[in-house]
């Protein structure tokens, strides 16, 4: 399995030049790139332009945190072999943050930092609702599984992967009970209070997080309507359409209420985000600079 690495130009050299390579980890239904369009839209180039060595992980579009985590761990080893580095900086969006946490838990010696972006560390109410609608063993679950399996297989094929897909395992991993079990096994960086910060550093791994609390952010982005609908599930809880504000907390909280929805956080769709808030590419570059200044 190959990872994608990007070069950088001399302009703004050094601003994002971290000591250790950066590995970007996609979330549910994610991919490294499809038809040349990256999941992290414009973000890899934005990081590389300032000197960062950037790799795009390719893990299952749908599967458990542990299965995806083992896939990521294999690719981390590849990055270290390619670059000669001893550790990596993992930045994961959505389920990618849980995937990154798994790797940091089982091999902290290979990870300098974990940054999660819009990750449901305490589960997603949307996943809870879907699981309630699709109870285990039901006909509805079977039908939905087959449909989603087809979508996940198609994403995997188009993006050039050959990875196992398991939609139900992914769904269960993102529910409140599923993340509770995961957190019991891998608690590093988690807040000890309902909506607080977690430990900034555990087992020599630094933890950071940020997220958004908006649903509708750009009139021209058709995905906003979908996230506006899913956001209703949260009632009066601030959310990005899929993840509640407090659920995205991990380690040092950079900011938990950007005017961004779940797709805006990775500059999707095609960069159609709100012009009245921090640009997603800028946030990733700022985090790379933060890691650089901290010696990571």
C-alpha atoms as a PDB file:
ATOM      1  CA  UNK A   1       0.000   0.000   0.000  1.00  0.00           C
ATOM      2  CA  UNK A   2       1.496   3.321  -1.086  1.00  0.00           C
ATOM      3  CA  UNK A   3       1.107   6.634   0.626  1.00  0.00           C
ATOM      4  CA  UNK A   4       1.147   9.987  -1.100  1.00  0.00           C
ATOM      5  CA  UNK A   5       3.891  12.450  -0.196  1.00  0.00           C
ATOM      6  CA  UNK A   6       4.073  16.061  -1.295  1.00  0.00           C
ATOM      7  CA  UNK A   7       6.961  18.379  -1.976  1.00  0.00           C
ATOM      8  CA  UNK A   8       7.004  22.063  -1.008  1.00  0.00           C
ATOM      9  CA  UNK A   9       8.068  25.300  -2.588  1.00  0.00           C
ATOM     10  CA  UNK A  10      10.434  27.808  -1.140  1.00  0.00           C
ATOM     11  CA  UNK A  11       7.747  30.370  -0.367  1.00  0.00           C
ATOM     12  CA  UNK A  12       6.968  30.579   3.354  1.00  0.00           C
ATOM     13  CA  UNK A  13       9.532  27.838   3.918  1.00  0.00           C
ATOM     14  CA  UNK A  14       9.822  26.787   7.528  1.00  0.00           C
ATOM     15  CA  UNK A  15       6.428  27.854   8.871  1.00  0.00           C
ATOM     16  CA  UNK A  16       4.998  24.315   8.757  1.00  0.00           C
ATOM     17  CA  UNK A  17       8.319  22.466   8.782  1.00  0.00           C
ATOM     18  CA  UNK A  18       7.737  20.095  11.671  1.00  0.00           C
ATOM     19  CA  UNK A  19      10.492  17.927  13.070  1.00  0.00           C
ATOM     20  CA  UNK A  20       8.472  14.791  12.361  1.00  0.00           C
ATOM     21  CA  UNK A  21       6.379  13.987   9.260  1.00  0.00           C
ATOM     22  CA  UNK A  22       2.655  14.745   9.296  1.00  0.00           C
ATOM     23  CA  UNK A  23       0.225  11.932   8.471  1.00  0.00           C
ATOM     24  CA  UNK A  24      -3.353  12.978   7.651  1.00  0.00           C
ATOM     25  CA  UNK A  25      -6.003  10.372   8.527  1.00  0.00           C
ATOM     26  CA  UNK A  26      -9.454  10.493   6.936  1.00  0.00           C
ATOM     27  CA  UNK A  27     -12.754   9.690   8.585  1.00  0.00           C
ATOM     28  CA  UNK A  28     -15.792   7.558   7.797  1.00  0.00           C
ATOM     29  CA  UNK A  29     -16.383   7.103   4.037  1.00  0.00           C
ATOM     30  CA  UNK A  30     -13.054   8.826   3.552  1.00  0.00           C
ATOM     31  CA  UNK A  31     -10.247   8.301   1.073  1.00  0.00           C
ATOM     32  CA  UNK A  32      -6.795   9.662   0.328  1.00  0.00           C
ATOM     33  CA  UNK A  33      -7.922  11.028  -3.049  1.00  0.00           C
ATOM     34  CA  UNK A  34     -10.471  10.239  -5.753  1.00  0.00           C
ATOM     35  CA  UNK A  35      -9.861  11.330  -9.343  1.00  0.00           C
ATOM     36  CA  UNK A  36      -7.090  13.573  -8.048  1.00  0.00           C
ATOM     37  CA  UNK A  37      -9.363  15.271  -5.502  1.00  0.00           C
ATOM     38  CA  UNK A  38      -8.052  14.815  -1.950  1.00  0.00           C
ATOM     39  CA  UNK A  39     -10.259  14.235   1.072  1.00  0.00           C
ATOM     40  CA  UNK A  40      -8.285  16.974   2.833  1.00  0.00           C
ATOM     41  CA  UNK A  41      -9.036  19.539   0.128  1.00  0.00           C
ATOM     42  CA  UNK A  42      -6.108  21.968  -0.446  1.00  0.00           C
ATOM     43  CA  UNK A  43      -4.769  21.092   3.014  1.00  0.00           C
ATOM     44  CA  UNK A  44      -1.828  18.849   2.019  1.00  0.00           C
ATOM     45  CA  UNK A  45      -0.541  21.497  -0.394  1.00  0.00           C
ATOM     46  CA  UNK A  46      -1.048  24.180   2.224  1.00  0.00           C
ATOM     47  CA  UNK A  47       1.046  22.234   4.716  1.00  0.00           C
ATOM     48  CA  UNK A  48       3.733  21.274   2.220  1.00  0.00           C
ATOM     49  CA  UNK A  49       4.090  24.865   1.008  1.00  0.00           C
ATOM     50  CA  UNK A  50       5.652  25.798   4.336  1.00  0.00           C
ATOM     51  CA  UNK A  51       8.041  22.857   4.514  1.00  0.00           C
ATOM     52  CA  UNK A  52       6.020  20.028   6.050  1.00  0.00           C
ATOM     53  CA  UNK A  53       6.544  16.460   4.915  1.00  0.00           C
ATOM     54  CA  UNK A  54       2.957  15.331   4.407  1.00  0.00           C
ATOM     55  CA  UNK A  55       1.554  11.841   3.922  1.00  0.00           C
ATOM     56  CA  UNK A  56      -2.050  10.842   3.278  1.00  0.00           C
ATOM     57  CA  UNK A  57      -3.071   7.629   4.995  1.00  0.00           C
ATOM     58  CA  UNK A  58      -5.418   5.236   3.247  1.00  0.00           C
ATOM     59  CA  UNK A  59      -7.498   3.193   5.671  1.00  0.00           C
ATOM     60  CA  UNK A  60     -10.851   1.448   5.301  1.00  0.00           C
ATOM     61  CA  UNK A  61     -13.712   3.798   4.458  1.00  0.00           C
ATOM     62  CA  UNK A  62     -15.871   1.788   6.869  1.00  0.00           C
ATOM     63  CA  UNK A  63     -14.505  -0.360   9.674  1.00  0.00           C
ATOM     64  CA  UNK A  64     -13.787  -0.383  13.382  1.00  0.00           C
ATOM     65  CA  UNK A  65     -11.278   1.947  15.000  1.00  0.00           C
ATOM     66  CA  UNK A  66      -9.024  -0.988  15.759  1.00  0.00           C
ATOM     67  CA  UNK A  67      -8.984  -2.389  12.207  1.00  0.00           C
ATOM     68  CA  UNK A  68      -8.388   1.056  10.755  1.00  0.00           C
ATOM     69  CA  UNK A  69      -5.795   1.641  13.468  1.00  0.00           C
ATOM     70  CA  UNK A  70      -3.785  -1.427  12.497  1.00  0.00           C
ATOM     71  CA  UNK A  71      -3.875  -0.292   8.869  1.00  0.00           C
ATOM     72  CA  UNK A  72      -2.649   3.139   9.915  1.00  0.00           C
ATOM     73  CA  UNK A  73       0.082   1.656  12.082  1.00  0.00           C
ATOM     74  CA  UNK A  74       1.397  -0.269   9.084  1.00  0.00           C
ATOM     75  CA  UNK A  75       1.515   2.947   7.083  1.00  0.00           C
ATOM     76  CA  UNK A  76       3.202   4.846   9.901  1.00  0.00           C
ATOM     77  CA  UNK A  77       5.987   2.281   9.750  1.00  0.00           C
ATOM     78  CA  UNK A  78       6.230   2.903   5.997  1.00  0.00           C
ATOM     79  CA  UNK A  79       6.506   6.651   6.551  1.00  0.00           C
ATOM     80  CA  UNK A  80       9.279   6.155   9.074  1.00  0.00           C
ATOM     81  CA  UNK A  81      11.134   3.868   6.673  1.00  0.00           C
ATOM     82  CA  UNK A  82      10.756   6.348   3.797  1.00  0.00           C
ATOM     83  CA  UNK A  83      11.763   9.449   5.744  1.00  0.00           C
ATOM     84  CA  UNK A  84      14.198   8.061   8.283  1.00  0.00           C
ATOM     85  CA  UNK A  85      12.204   9.802  11.022  1.00  0.00           C
ATOM     86  CA  UNK A  86      11.650   8.140  14.377  1.00  0.00           C
ATOM     87  CA  UNK A  87       8.111   9.401  15.001  1.00  0.00           C
ATOM     88  CA  UNK A  88       5.138  11.004  13.229  1.00  0.00           C
ATOM     89  CA  UNK A  89       2.514  13.668  13.882  1.00  0.00           C
ATOM     90  CA  UNK A  90      -0.957  12.222  13.318  1.00  0.00           C
ATOM     91  CA  UNK A  91      -3.821  14.552  12.380  1.00  0.00           C
ATOM     92  CA  UNK A  92      -7.176  12.803  12.052  1.00  0.00           C
ATOM     93  CA  UNK A  93     -10.551  14.104  10.986  1.00  0.00           C
ATOM     94  CA  UNK A  94     -13.759  12.572  12.351  1.00  0.00           C
ATOM     95  CA  UNK A  95     -13.200   8.824  12.867  1.00  0.00           C
ATOM     96  CA  UNK A  96      -9.629   9.459  11.783  1.00  0.00           C
ATOM     97  CA  UNK A  97      -9.020  10.977  15.212  1.00  0.00           C
ATOM     98  CA  UNK A  98     -10.083   7.736  16.907  1.00  0.00           C
ATOM     99  CA  UNK A  99      -7.927   5.789  14.470  1.00  0.00           C
ATOM    100  CA  UNK A 100      -4.942   7.963  15.354  1.00  0.00           C
ATOM    101  CA  UNK A 101      -5.596   7.547  19.075  1.00  0.00           C
ATOM    102  CA  UNK A 102      -5.437   3.776  18.674  1.00  0.00           C
ATOM    103  CA  UNK A 103      -1.988   3.957  17.071  1.00  0.00           C
ATOM    104  CA  UNK A 104      -0.732   6.339  19.757  1.00  0.00           C
ATOM    105  CA  UNK A 105      -2.025   3.965  22.436  1.00  0.00           C
ATOM    106  CA  UNK A 106      -0.451   0.787  21.103  1.00  0.00           C
ATOM    107  CA  UNK A 107       2.793   2.339  19.792  1.00  0.00           C
ATOM    108  CA  UNK A 108       3.389   5.641  21.596  1.00  0.00           C
ATOM    109  CA  UNK A 109       7.077   5.375  20.749  1.00  0.00           C
ATOM    110  CA  UNK A 110       6.229   6.001  17.078  1.00  0.00           C
ATOM    111  CA  UNK A 111       3.932   8.986  17.633  1.00  0.00           C
ATOM    112  CA  UNK A 112       4.964  12.509  18.605  1.00  0.00           C
ATOM    113  CA  UNK A 113       1.477  14.009  18.597  1.00  0.00           C
ATOM    114  CA  UNK A 114      -2.175  13.313  17.868  1.00  0.00           C
ATOM    115  CA  UNK A 115      -4.451  16.102  16.671  1.00  0.00           C
ATOM    116  CA  UNK A 116      -8.143  15.374  16.227  1.00  0.00           C
ATOM    117  CA  UNK A 117     -10.447  17.538  14.128  1.00  0.00           C
ATOM    118  CA  UNK A 118     -14.209  17.147  14.564  1.00  0.00           C
ATOM    119  CA  UNK A 119     -13.800  13.711  16.149  1.00  0.00           C
ATOM    120  CA  UNK A 120     -16.653  12.132  18.164  1.00  0.00           C
ATOM    121  CA  UNK A 121     -14.552  11.012  21.121  1.00  0.00           C
ATOM    122  CA  UNK A 122     -17.722  10.496  23.155  1.00  0.00           C
ATOM    123  CA  UNK A 123     -19.776   9.247  20.235  1.00  0.00           C
ATOM    124  CA  UNK A 124     -22.203  10.902  17.862  1.00  0.00           C
ATOM    125  CA  UNK A 125     -25.929  11.298  18.427  1.00  0.00           C
ATOM    126  CA  UNK A 126     -26.374  10.717  14.707  1.00  0.00           C
ATOM    127  CA  UNK A 127     -24.690   7.297  14.987  1.00  0.00           C
ATOM    128  CA  UNK A 128     -26.889   6.535  18.020  1.00  0.00           C
ATOM    129  CA  UNK A 129     -30.013   7.394  16.028  1.00  0.00           C
ATOM    130  CA  UNK A 130     -28.964   5.275  13.057  1.00  0.00           C
ATOM    131  CA  UNK A 131     -28.216   2.325  15.327  1.00  0.00           C
ATOM    132  CA  UNK A 132     -31.651   2.672  16.943  1.00  0.00           C
ATOM    133  CA  UNK A 133     -33.301   2.685  13.517  1.00  0.00           C
ATOM    134  CA  UNK A 134     -31.219  -0.331  12.496  1.00  0.00           C
ATOM    135  CA  UNK A 135     -31.313  -2.674  15.506  1.00  0.00           C
ATOM    136  CA  UNK A 136     -28.902  -5.630  15.443  1.00  0.00           C
ATOM    137  CA  UNK A 137     -30.257  -8.615  13.535  1.00  0.00           C
ATOM    138  CA  UNK A 138     -33.108  -6.704  11.912  1.00  0.00           C
ATOM    139  CA  UNK A 139     -34.069  -6.798   8.244  1.00  0.00           C
ATOM    140  CA  UNK A 140     -33.496  -3.047   8.035  1.00  0.00           C
ATOM    141  CA  UNK A 141     -29.957  -3.510   9.330  1.00  0.00           C
ATOM    142  CA  UNK A 142     -29.262  -6.203   6.734  1.00  0.00           C
ATOM    143  CA  UNK A 143     -30.545  -4.075   3.849  1.00  0.00           C
ATOM    144  CA  UNK A 144     -28.683  -0.972   4.987  1.00  0.00           C
ATOM    145  CA  UNK A 145     -25.493  -2.963   5.495  1.00  0.00           C
ATOM    146  CA  UNK A 146     -25.583  -4.279   1.925  1.00  0.00           C
ATOM    147  CA  UNK A 147     -26.210  -0.836   0.453  1.00  0.00           C
ATOM    148  CA  UNK A 148     -23.506   0.867   2.502  1.00  0.00           C
ATOM    149  CA  UNK A 149     -21.109  -2.006   1.823  1.00  0.00           C
ATOM    150  CA  UNK A 150     -21.520  -1.317  -1.880  1.00  0.00           C
ATOM    151  CA  UNK A 151     -20.831   2.383  -1.412  1.00  0.00           C
ATOM    152  CA  UNK A 152     -17.750   1.694   0.707  1.00  0.00           C
ATOM    153  CA  UNK A 153     -16.423  -0.847  -1.796  1.00  0.00           C
ATOM    154  CA  UNK A 154     -16.907   1.669  -4.597  1.00  0.00           C
ATOM    155  CA  UNK A 155     -15.027   4.374  -2.678  1.00  0.00           C
ATOM    156  CA  UNK A 156     -12.224   1.918  -2.011  1.00  0.00           C
ATOM    157  CA  UNK A 157     -12.017   0.857  -5.652  1.00  0.00           C
ATOM    158  CA  UNK A 158     -12.091   4.387  -7.070  1.00  0.00           C
ATOM    159  CA  UNK A 159      -9.446   5.579  -4.632  1.00  0.00           C
ATOM    160  CA  UNK A 160      -7.172   2.688  -5.569  1.00  0.00           C
ATOM    161  CA  UNK A 161      -7.349   0.775  -2.318  1.00  0.00           C
ATOM    162  CA  UNK A 162      -7.919  -2.871  -1.561  1.00  0.00           C
ATOM    163  CA  UNK A 163      -9.111  -2.702   2.022  1.00  0.00           C
ATOM    164  CA  UNK A 164     -11.777  -4.597   3.979  1.00  0.00           C
ATOM    165  CA  UNK A 165     -15.032  -2.759   4.609  1.00  0.00           C
ATOM    166  CA  UNK A 166     -17.376  -3.323   7.550  1.00  0.00           C
ATOM    167  CA  UNK A 167     -20.153  -0.699   7.779  1.00  0.00           C
ATOM    168  CA  UNK A 168     -21.731  -2.103  10.941  1.00  0.00           C
ATOM    169  CA  UNK A 169     -18.397  -2.161  12.759  1.00  0.00           C
ATOM    170  CA  UNK A 170     -17.896   1.476  11.762  1.00  0.00           C
ATOM    171  CA  UNK A 171     -21.376   2.436  12.942  1.00  0.00           C
ATOM    172  CA  UNK A 172     -20.943   0.728  16.298  1.00  0.00           C
ATOM    173  CA  UNK A 173     -17.524   2.347  16.738  1.00  0.00           C
ATOM    174  CA  UNK A 174     -19.074   5.807  16.472  1.00  0.00           C
ATOM    175  CA  UNK A 175     -22.017   5.341  18.844  1.00  0.00           C
ATOM    176  CA  UNK A 176     -21.957   6.526  22.429  1.00  0.00           C
ATOM    177  CA  UNK A 177     -21.648   2.947  23.802  1.00  0.00           C
ATOM    178  CA  UNK A 178     -19.005   2.103  21.196  1.00  0.00           C
ATOM    179  CA  UNK A 179     -16.786   5.050  22.010  1.00  0.00           C
ATOM    180  CA  UNK A 180     -17.291   4.429  25.726  1.00  0.00           C
ATOM    181  CA  UNK A 181     -15.802   0.946  25.304  1.00  0.00           C
ATOM    182  CA  UNK A 182     -12.988   2.308  23.132  1.00  0.00           C
ATOM    183  CA  UNK A 183     -12.214   5.045  25.662  1.00  0.00           C
ATOM    184  CA  UNK A 184     -11.987   2.532  28.480  1.00  0.00           C
ATOM    185  CA  UNK A 185      -9.239   0.745  26.585  1.00  0.00           C
ATOM    186  CA  UNK A 186      -7.484   3.819  25.200  1.00  0.00           C
ATOM    187  CA  UNK A 187      -8.117   6.807  27.524  1.00  0.00           C
ATOM    188  CA  UNK A 188      -5.053   8.959  26.754  1.00  0.00           C
ATOM    189  CA  UNK A 189      -5.898  12.628  26.254  1.00  0.00           C
ATOM    190  CA  UNK A 190      -9.573  12.331  27.182  1.00  0.00           C
ATOM    191  CA  UNK A 191     -11.184  14.964  29.441  1.00  0.00           C
ATOM    192  CA  UNK A 192     -12.017  13.880  32.962  1.00  0.00           C
ATOM    193  CA  UNK A 193     -15.004  16.231  33.109  1.00  0.00           C
ATOM    194  CA  UNK A 194     -18.093  16.408  30.905  1.00  0.00           C
ATOM    195  CA  UNK A 195     -16.848  19.190  28.645  1.00  0.00           C
ATOM    196  CA  UNK A 196     -13.303  19.890  29.790  1.00  0.00           C
ATOM    197  CA  UNK A 197      -9.791  19.488  28.458  1.00  0.00           C
ATOM    198  CA  UNK A 198      -7.751  16.311  28.592  1.00  0.00           C
ATOM    199  CA  UNK A 199      -4.120  15.731  29.513  1.00  0.00           C
ATOM    200  CA  UNK A 200      -1.887  17.624  27.112  1.00  0.00           C
ATOM    201  CA  UNK A 201       0.738  14.890  27.086  1.00  0.00           C
ATOM    202  CA  UNK A 202       0.509  11.171  27.851  1.00  0.00           C
ATOM    203  CA  UNK A 203       3.231   8.554  27.347  1.00  0.00           C
ATOM    204  CA  UNK A 204       5.343  11.229  25.634  1.00  0.00           C
ATOM    205  CA  UNK A 205       2.583  11.868  23.063  1.00  0.00           C
ATOM    206  CA  UNK A 206       1.041  15.352  22.802  1.00  0.00           C
ATOM    207  CA  UNK A 207      -2.736  15.604  22.264  1.00  0.00           C
ATOM    208  CA  UNK A 208      -4.665  18.452  20.607  1.00  0.00           C
ATOM    209  CA  UNK A 209      -8.149  19.001  19.201  1.00  0.00           C
ATOM    210  CA  UNK A 210     -10.420  21.473  17.475  1.00  0.00           C
ATOM    211  CA  UNK A 211     -13.876  21.430  15.918  1.00  0.00           C
ATOM    212  CA  UNK A 212     -16.803  23.418  14.559  1.00  0.00           C
ATOM    213  CA  UNK A 213     -20.350  24.168  15.677  1.00  0.00           C
ATOM    214  CA  UNK A 214     -22.083  25.246  12.467  1.00  0.00           C
ATOM    215  CA  UNK A 215     -24.375  23.427  10.026  1.00  0.00           C
ATOM    216  CA  UNK A 216     -25.186  25.914   7.257  1.00  0.00           C
ATOM    217  CA  UNK A 217     -22.096  27.885   6.257  1.00  0.00           C
ATOM    218  CA  UNK A 218     -22.162  28.418   2.487  1.00  0.00           C
ATOM    219  CA  UNK A 219     -25.230  28.939   0.295  1.00  0.00           C
ATOM    220  CA  UNK A 220     -23.590  27.187  -2.660  1.00  0.00           C
ATOM    221  CA  UNK A 221     -22.588  24.029  -0.757  1.00  0.00           C
ATOM    222  CA  UNK A 222     -25.263  21.352  -1.274  1.00  0.00           C
ATOM    223  CA  UNK A 223     -23.887  19.274   1.604  1.00  0.00           C
ATOM    224  CA  UNK A 224     -24.947  21.955   4.086  1.00  0.00           C
ATOM    225  CA  UNK A 225     -28.589  20.887   3.770  1.00  0.00           C
ATOM    226  CA  UNK A 226     -27.667  17.343   4.789  1.00  0.00           C
ATOM    227  CA  UNK A 227     -25.637  18.497   7.772  1.00  0.00           C
ATOM    228  CA  UNK A 228     -28.391  20.912   8.709  1.00  0.00           C
ATOM    229  CA  UNK A 229     -30.804  17.991   8.875  1.00  0.00           C
ATOM    230  CA  UNK A 230     -28.487  15.733  10.881  1.00  0.00           C
ATOM    231  CA  UNK A 231     -27.674  18.630  13.178  1.00  0.00           C
ATOM    232  CA  UNK A 232     -31.289  18.676  14.340  1.00  0.00           C
ATOM    233  CA  UNK A 233     -30.632  15.386  16.148  1.00  0.00           C
ATOM    234  CA  UNK A 234     -28.534  17.289  18.697  1.00  0.00           C
ATOM    235  CA  UNK A 235     -31.356  19.528  19.888  1.00  0.00           C
ATOM    236  CA  UNK A 236     -29.876  22.571  21.626  1.00  0.00           C
ATOM    237  CA  UNK A 237     -26.334  21.124  21.774  1.00  0.00           C
ATOM    238  CA  UNK A 238     -23.784  22.958  19.631  1.00  0.00           C
ATOM    239  CA  UNK A 239     -22.604  20.654  16.838  1.00  0.00           C
ATOM    240  CA  UNK A 240     -21.019  20.525  13.379  1.00  0.00           C
ATOM    241  CA  UNK A 241     -23.817  18.421  11.917  1.00  0.00           C
ATOM    242  CA  UNK A 242     -22.358  15.102  13.044  1.00  0.00           C
ATOM    243  CA  UNK A 243     -20.342  15.750  16.206  1.00  0.00           C
ATOM    244  CA  UNK A 244     -21.299  17.612  19.376  1.00  0.00           C
ATOM    245  CA  UNK A 245     -19.092  20.390  20.691  1.00  0.00           C
ATOM    246  CA  UNK A 246     -17.983  18.611  23.858  1.00  0.00           C
ATOM    247  CA  UNK A 247     -17.545  15.283  22.110  1.00  0.00           C
ATOM    248  CA  UNK A 248     -14.703  16.659  19.994  1.00  0.00           C
ATOM    249  CA  UNK A 249     -12.595  17.572  23.057  1.00  0.00           C
ATOM    250  CA  UNK A 250      -9.206  15.871  23.388  1.00  0.00           C
ATOM    251  CA  UNK A 251      -6.022  17.005  25.102  1.00  0.00           C
ATOM    252  CA  UNK A 252      -5.272  20.676  24.542  1.00  0.00           C
ATOM    253  CA  UNK A 253      -8.369  22.276  22.994  1.00  0.00           C
ATOM    254  CA  UNK A 254      -7.258  24.750  20.375  1.00  0.00           C
ATOM    255  CA  UNK A 255     -10.803  25.945  19.652  1.00  0.00           C
ATOM    256  CA  UNK A 256     -14.111  24.109  19.830  1.00  0.00           C
ATOM    257  CA  UNK A 257     -16.531  26.497  18.150  1.00  0.00           C
ATOM    258  CA  UNK A 258     -15.288  27.482  14.717  1.00  0.00           C
ATOM    259  CA  UNK A 259     -18.070  28.489  12.332  1.00  0.00           C
ATOM    260  CA  UNK A 260     -17.566  25.300  10.345  1.00  0.00           C
ATOM    261  CA  UNK A 261     -19.576  22.169   9.770  1.00  0.00           C
ATOM    262  CA  UNK A 262     -18.191  18.641   9.625  1.00  0.00           C
ATOM    263  CA  UNK A 263     -17.081  18.854   5.996  1.00  0.00           C
ATOM    264  CA  UNK A 264     -15.833  22.426   6.266  1.00  0.00           C
ATOM    265  CA  UNK A 265     -13.293  21.176   8.792  1.00  0.00           C
ATOM    266  CA  UNK A 266     -11.361  19.542   5.927  1.00  0.00           C
ATOM    267  CA  UNK A 267     -12.179  22.302   3.410  1.00  0.00           C
ATOM    268  CA  UNK A 268     -14.917  20.331   1.659  1.00  0.00           C
ATOM    269  CA  UNK A 269     -16.882  20.439  -0.514  1.00  0.00           C
ATOM    270  CA  UNK A 270     -14.307  21.905  -2.971  1.00  0.00           C
ATOM    271  CA  UNK A 271     -13.411  24.669  -0.555  1.00  0.00           C
ATOM    272  CA  UNK A 272     -16.982  25.990  -0.260  1.00  0.00           C
ATOM    273  CA  UNK A 273     -16.750  27.122   3.352  1.00  0.00           C
ATOM    274  CA  UNK A 274     -17.833  30.268   5.139  1.00  0.00           C
ATOM    275  CA  UNK A 275     -15.778  33.355   4.231  1.00  0.00           C
ATOM    276  CA  UNK A 276     -16.486  34.763   7.692  1.00  0.00           C
ATOM    277  CA  UNK A 277     -14.393  32.371   9.774  1.00  0.00           C
ATOM    278  CA  UNK A 278     -10.885  30.957   9.866  1.00  0.00           C
ATOM    279  CA  UNK A 279     -10.014  29.131   6.664  1.00  0.00           C
ATOM    280  CA  UNK A 280      -9.542  25.377   7.255  1.00  0.00           C
ATOM    281  CA  UNK A 281      -6.214  25.355   5.413  1.00  0.00           C
ATOM    282  CA  UNK A 282      -4.990  28.153   7.660  1.00  0.00           C
ATOM    283  CA  UNK A 283      -5.975  26.160  10.751  1.00  0.00           C
ATOM    284  CA  UNK A 284      -4.004  23.119   9.632  1.00  0.00           C
ATOM    285  CA  UNK A 285      -1.002  25.286   8.810  1.00  0.00           C
ATOM    286  CA  UNK A 286      -1.240  26.976  12.207  1.00  0.00           C
ATOM    287  CA  UNK A 287      -1.319  23.581  13.902  1.00  0.00           C
ATOM    288  CA  UNK A 288       1.777  22.477  11.986  1.00  0.00           C
ATOM    289  CA  UNK A 289       3.505  25.652  13.125  1.00  0.00           C
ATOM    290  CA  UNK A 290       2.364  24.950  16.686  1.00  0.00           C
ATOM    291  CA  UNK A 291       3.850  21.457  16.469  1.00  0.00           C
ATOM    292  CA  UNK A 292       7.040  22.866  14.964  1.00  0.00           C
ATOM    293  CA  UNK A 293       7.465  25.369  17.794  1.00  0.00           C
ATOM    294  CA  UNK A 294       6.857  22.618  20.361  1.00  0.00           C
ATOM    295  CA  UNK A 295       9.642  20.519  18.856  1.00  0.00           C
ATOM    296  CA  UNK A 296       7.429  17.984  17.120  1.00  0.00           C
END
